[in-house]
Amino acid sequence: MSRLLRGLKTVLQTSPANSHHYHTIQAIPRECTGSRISSRDRAQGRIPAVVFSQALLDKNPSSRSPSRKQLLTTEGKQIRSIVKSVELPFFCSTTFQLQIRAGSGSSVLLESGRVLPIKIHRDDETGKILNLVFVWADEGTELKVDVPVVFKGLEDCPGLKKGGYFNMIRNSLKFQCQAEHIPQKIEVDVSKLDIGDRVLMHDIEVHPSLKLLSKNESMPICKIVPIYSENSEPMKV
């Protein structure tokens, strides 16, 4: 029978140097939509985007707050540089400062605030970024966010050294929290897991303001399974 490792240490980690604070996304308003206009923007080196309050996505109309919806275009070169710097999948769990200016190269600032990327659409064949979706992430704003889980200590894991397989069941966890407390990632140390050990959702230690959005917090996010397990999907390390 599989067993849970007692005293397992899990670590919540955001970007150590808060490097995302130094990235300010520049954007300009976009009045019209449509495939032709979007194609024209991309041809000019810009990426169509939209930003709104996440509450706009709430299924209950009575709980929706003013959307602050803005149609934008962003500088393609800058976005690609930021994505490369922050690295996927952490881009969509990182908040950025957004400045909306009157036009390309304009010094007139129309609006600014912190935002969280929630979707990045790419071309299926080329991988080119087609458009972006942001939500406002000002301090105190309650947001729902998928936080990537990163597993460390695989090279020291006794269960793997004995020939077991590392079965990664979840590579992210969904939380509701205030924007300023969004973790860029969660690191889970598996260096002490033996065959049969597992890490459950409720084992993860996070900031008190983070609420795990799961119907069953006793579900495992990873486990070390025997080499002869029929249902195992090995992860190479």
Protein backbone atom coordinates (compact mmCIF):
# COMPACT_ATOMS: atom_id res chain seq x y z
CA MET A 1 0.00 0.00 0.00
CA SER A 2 1.24 3.41 -0.86
CA ARG A 3 2.22 5.53 2.09
CA LEU A 4 2.62 9.23 2.69
CA LEU A 5 6.05 10.47 3.63
CA ARG A 6 5.88 12.15 7.03
CA GLY A 7 7.66 15.43 7.59
CA LEU A 8 7.93 16.16 3.88
CA LYS A 9 9.14 19.72 3.35
CA THR A 10 7.42 21.70 0.64
CA VAL A 11 8.60 25.15 -0.34
CA LEU A 12 6.71 28.13 -1.68
CA GLN A 13 8.98 30.21 -3.87
CA THR A 14 8.47 33.36 -5.85
CA SER A 15 11.07 34.94 -8.10
CA PRO A 16 13.99 35.51 -5.67
CA ALA A 17 14.87 38.97 -6.99
CA ASN A 18 11.30 39.98 -7.92
CA SER A 19 12.69 40.45 -11.40
CA HIS A 20 9.20 40.79 -12.89
CA HIS A 21 8.91 44.16 -11.15
CA TYR A 22 11.42 45.53 -13.65
CA HIS A 23 9.32 44.51 -16.66
CA THR A 24 6.85 47.20 -17.69
CA ILE A 25 4.70 46.20 -20.64
CA GLN A 26 4.04 49.04 -23.07
CA ALA A 27 0.71 49.08 -24.91
CA ILE A 28 -1.49 51.39 -26.97
CA PRO A 29 -5.30 51.37 -27.41
CA ARG A 30 -6.91 49.32 -30.15
CA GLU A 31 -10.34 50.55 -31.22
CA CYS A 32 -11.27 47.87 -33.75
CA THR A 33 -11.18 44.08 -33.82
CA GLY A 34 -11.16 41.50 -36.59
CA SER A 35 -8.75 39.12 -38.28
CA ARG A 36 -7.63 41.65 -40.92
CA ILE A 37 -6.85 44.33 -38.36
CA SER A 38 -5.03 41.82 -36.15
CA SER A 39 -3.00 40.59 -39.11
CA ARG A 40 -2.07 44.18 -39.95
CA ASP A 41 -0.96 44.80 -36.35
CA ARG A 42 1.19 41.66 -36.38
CA ALA A 43 2.73 42.69 -39.69
CA GLN A 44 3.76 45.93 -37.98
CA GLY A 45 5.48 43.98 -35.20
CA ARG A 46 2.68 44.37 -32.68
CA ILE A 47 0.65 41.75 -30.78
CA PRO A 48 -3.10 42.27 -30.16
CA ALA A 49 -4.10 42.04 -26.49
CA VAL A 50 -6.98 42.65 -24.13
CA VAL A 51 -7.08 43.45 -20.41
CA PHE A 52 -10.12 43.35 -18.12
CA SER A 53 -11.16 42.58 -14.55
CA GLN A 54 -11.16 38.83 -13.90
CA ALA A 55 -14.58 39.21 -12.26
CA LEU A 56 -15.96 39.70 -15.77
CA LEU A 57 -15.50 35.94 -16.22
CA ASP A 58 -17.66 35.14 -13.18
CA LYS A 59 -20.68 33.03 -14.11
CA ASN A 60 -22.81 34.88 -11.59
CA PRO A 61 -23.69 38.29 -13.12
CA SER A 62 -24.40 39.81 -9.69
CA SER A 63 -20.80 39.27 -8.58
CA ARG A 64 -19.23 40.89 -11.64
CA SER A 65 -17.42 44.15 -11.01
CA PRO A 66 -16.79 46.89 -13.60
CA SER A 67 -14.62 45.26 -16.26
CA ARG A 68 -12.15 48.06 -17.08
CA LYS A 69 -11.92 46.29 -20.41
CA GLN A 70 -9.32 47.68 -22.80
CA LEU A 71 -8.45 46.50 -26.31
CA LEU A 72 -4.71 46.94 -26.84
CA THR A 73 -1.71 46.15 -28.95
CA THR A 74 1.69 45.46 -27.41
CA GLU A 75 5.21 45.58 -28.80
CA GLY A 76 6.02 42.14 -30.17
CA LYS A 77 9.75 42.43 -29.58
CA GLN A 78 9.24 43.42 -25.95
CA ILE A 79 6.72 40.64 -25.26
CA ARG A 80 8.98 37.98 -26.77
CA SER A 81 11.88 39.28 -24.67
CA ILE A 82 9.81 39.15 -21.47
CA VAL A 83 8.49 35.65 -22.19
CA LYS A 84 12.04 34.46 -22.81
CA SER A 85 13.29 36.15 -19.63
CA VAL A 86 10.54 34.90 -17.32
CA GLU A 87 10.26 31.50 -19.03
CA LEU A 88 7.13 29.47 -19.59
CA PRO A 89 5.06 28.30 -17.78
CA PHE A 90 5.86 31.02 -15.22
CA PHE A 91 4.71 33.84 -17.51
CA CYS A 92 1.07 33.24 -16.57
CA SER A 93 1.78 33.24 -12.82
CA THR A 94 3.78 36.48 -12.88
CA THR A 95 2.36 39.98 -12.53
CA PHE A 96 3.68 42.90 -14.59
CA GLN A 97 3.28 46.65 -14.68
CA LEU A 98 1.26 47.78 -17.71
CA GLN A 99 1.39 51.26 -19.20
CA ILE A 100 -1.20 52.24 -21.80
CA ARG A 101 0.02 55.20 -23.86
CA ALA A 102 -1.80 57.36 -26.39
CA GLY A 103 0.24 56.00 -29.29
CA SER A 104 3.46 54.24 -30.23
CA GLY A 105 6.34 56.25 -28.77
CA SER A 106 3.94 58.69 -27.07
CA SER A 107 4.76 60.18 -23.67
CA VAL A 108 1.05 60.58 -22.88
CA LEU A 109 0.06 57.95 -20.30
CA LEU A 110 -3.62 57.02 -20.47
CA GLU A 111 -3.73 54.34 -17.79
CA SER A 112 -1.40 52.08 -15.83
CA GLY A 113 -1.59 49.26 -13.31
CA ARG A 114 -0.44 45.75 -12.58
CA VAL A 115 -1.70 42.89 -14.74
CA LEU A 116 -1.58 39.11 -14.77
CA PRO A 117 -1.37 37.22 -18.10
CA ILE A 118 -4.00 34.45 -18.17
CA LYS A 119 -3.73 33.30 -21.79
CA ILE A 120 -1.08 33.41 -24.48
CA HIS A 121 -2.33 32.29 -27.89
CA ARG A 122 0.21 30.89 -30.36
CA ASP A 123 0.16 29.68 -33.93
CA ASP A 124 -0.06 25.88 -33.82
CA GLU A 125 2.55 25.45 -36.56
CA THR A 126 5.05 28.26 -35.95
CA GLY A 127 4.62 28.89 -32.24
CA LYS A 128 4.41 32.63 -32.96
CA ILE A 129 2.51 34.63 -30.34
CA LEU A 130 -0.82 35.72 -31.86
CA ASN A 131 -2.51 37.53 -28.98
CA LEU A 132 -2.50 37.95 -25.21
CA VAL A 133 -5.14 38.12 -22.49
CA PHE A 134 -4.46 39.97 -19.24
CA VAL A 135 -6.50 40.66 -16.11
CA TRP A 136 -5.99 43.63 -13.82
CA ALA A 137 -3.92 42.61 -10.78
CA ASP A 138 -3.80 45.71 -8.62
CA GLU A 139 -2.88 45.26 -4.95
CA GLY A 140 -5.73 43.74 -2.97
CA THR A 141 -7.46 42.27 -6.04
CA GLU A 142 -8.68 38.69 -5.52
CA LEU A 143 -7.61 36.51 -8.45
CA LYS A 144 -7.74 32.87 -9.46
CA VAL A 145 -4.44 31.64 -10.84
CA ASP A 146 -2.83 28.37 -11.92
CA VAL A 147 0.56 28.16 -10.22
CA PRO A 148 3.15 25.82 -11.78
CA VAL A 149 4.61 23.12 -9.53
CA VAL A 150 8.33 22.42 -9.88
CA PHE A 151 9.80 19.23 -8.44
CA LYS A 152 13.36 19.30 -7.16
CA GLY A 153 15.65 16.67 -5.64
CA LEU A 154 14.89 14.00 -8.23
CA GLU A 155 18.56 13.12 -8.51
CA ASP A 156 18.69 12.32 -4.77
CA CYS A 157 15.33 10.54 -4.49
CA PRO A 158 15.91 7.12 -2.84
CA GLY A 159 12.78 5.67 -4.47
CA LEU A 160 14.16 6.42 -7.93
CA LYS A 161 17.57 5.05 -7.03
CA LYS A 162 15.85 1.78 -6.14
CA GLY A 163 14.31 1.63 -9.60
CA GLY A 164 10.95 3.26 -8.96
CA TYR A 165 9.24 5.70 -11.29
CA PHE A 166 8.39 9.33 -10.57
CA ASN A 167 4.70 9.73 -11.41
CA MET A 168 3.87 13.44 -11.80
CA ILE A 169 0.10 13.71 -11.43
CA ARG A 170 -0.27 17.51 -11.31
CA ASN A 171 2.07 20.11 -12.77
CA SER A 172 0.07 23.07 -11.43
CA LEU A 173 -2.33 23.98 -8.63
CA LYS A 174 -5.15 26.52 -8.78
CA PHE A 175 -5.39 29.10 -6.02
CA GLN A 176 -7.48 32.12 -5.17
CA CYS A 177 -5.45 34.87 -3.57
CA GLN A 178 -4.66 38.55 -3.53
CA ALA A 179 -2.65 39.70 -6.52
CA GLU A 180 0.39 40.74 -4.46
CA HIS A 181 0.70 37.23 -2.98
CA ILE A 182 0.63 35.25 -6.23
CA PRO A 183 3.60 32.86 -6.17
CA GLN A 184 5.43 32.53 -9.47
CA LYS A 185 5.95 28.85 -8.77
CA ILE A 186 5.79 26.25 -6.02
CA GLU A 187 8.81 24.03 -5.46
CA VAL A 188 8.32 20.58 -3.98
CA ASP A 189 11.34 18.76 -2.60
CA VAL A 190 11.10 15.04 -3.41
CA SER A 191 14.67 14.15 -2.39
CA LYS A 192 13.46 11.98 0.51
CA LEU A 193 10.64 10.09 -1.19
CA ASP A 194 10.85 6.31 -1.19
CA ILE A 195 8.86 3.84 -3.27
CA GLY A 196 5.21 4.17 -2.30
CA ASP A 197 5.57 7.71 -0.97
CA ARG A 198 3.36 10.50 -2.30
CA VAL A 199 2.80 14.22 -1.88
CA LEU A 200 -0.79 15.37 -1.40
CA MET A 201 -2.28 18.74 -2.30
CA HIS A 202 -2.80 19.71 1.34
CA ASP A 203 0.89 19.03 2.10
CA ILE A 204 1.87 22.16 0.19
CA GLU A 205 2.74 25.05 2.51
CA VAL A 206 1.75 28.42 1.05
CA HIS A 207 1.03 31.97 2.18
CA PRO A 208 -2.06 32.06 4.47
CA SER A 209 -3.91 34.24 1.97
CA LEU A 210 -3.81 31.50 -0.69
CA LYS A 211 -6.91 29.32 -0.93
CA LEU A 212 -6.49 26.05 -2.80
CA LEU A 213 -9.33 25.60 -5.29
CA SER A 214 -9.82 21.85 -5.25
CA LYS A 215 -12.75 19.65 -4.32
CA ASN A 216 -10.39 17.08 -2.82
CA GLU A 217 -7.24 18.38 -1.16
CA SER A 218 -6.21 14.79 -0.35
CA MET A 219 -5.45 14.09 -4.00
CA PRO A 220 -1.76 13.39 -4.73
CA ILE A 221 0.28 15.65 -6.97
CA CYS A 222 3.10 13.12 -7.36
CA LYS A 223 4.17 9.71 -6.12
CA ILE A 224 6.96 7.18 -6.45
CA VAL A 225 5.56 3.97 -7.89
CA PRO A 226 7.16 0.52 -8.10
CA ILE A 227 8.88 -0.44 -11.30
CA TYR A 228 6.24 -3.07 -12.04
CA SER A 229 3.22 -0.78 -11.54
CA GLU A 230 0.81 -1.23 -14.46
CA ASN A 231 -0.51 2.34 -14.33
CA SER A 232 2.79 4.15 -13.99
CA GLU A 233 3.90 6.71 -16.52
CA PRO A 234 7.64 7.12 -15.94
CA MET A 235 9.28 10.51 -15.97
CA LYS A 236 12.90 10.50 -17.09
CA VAL A 237 15.39 12.25 -14.79
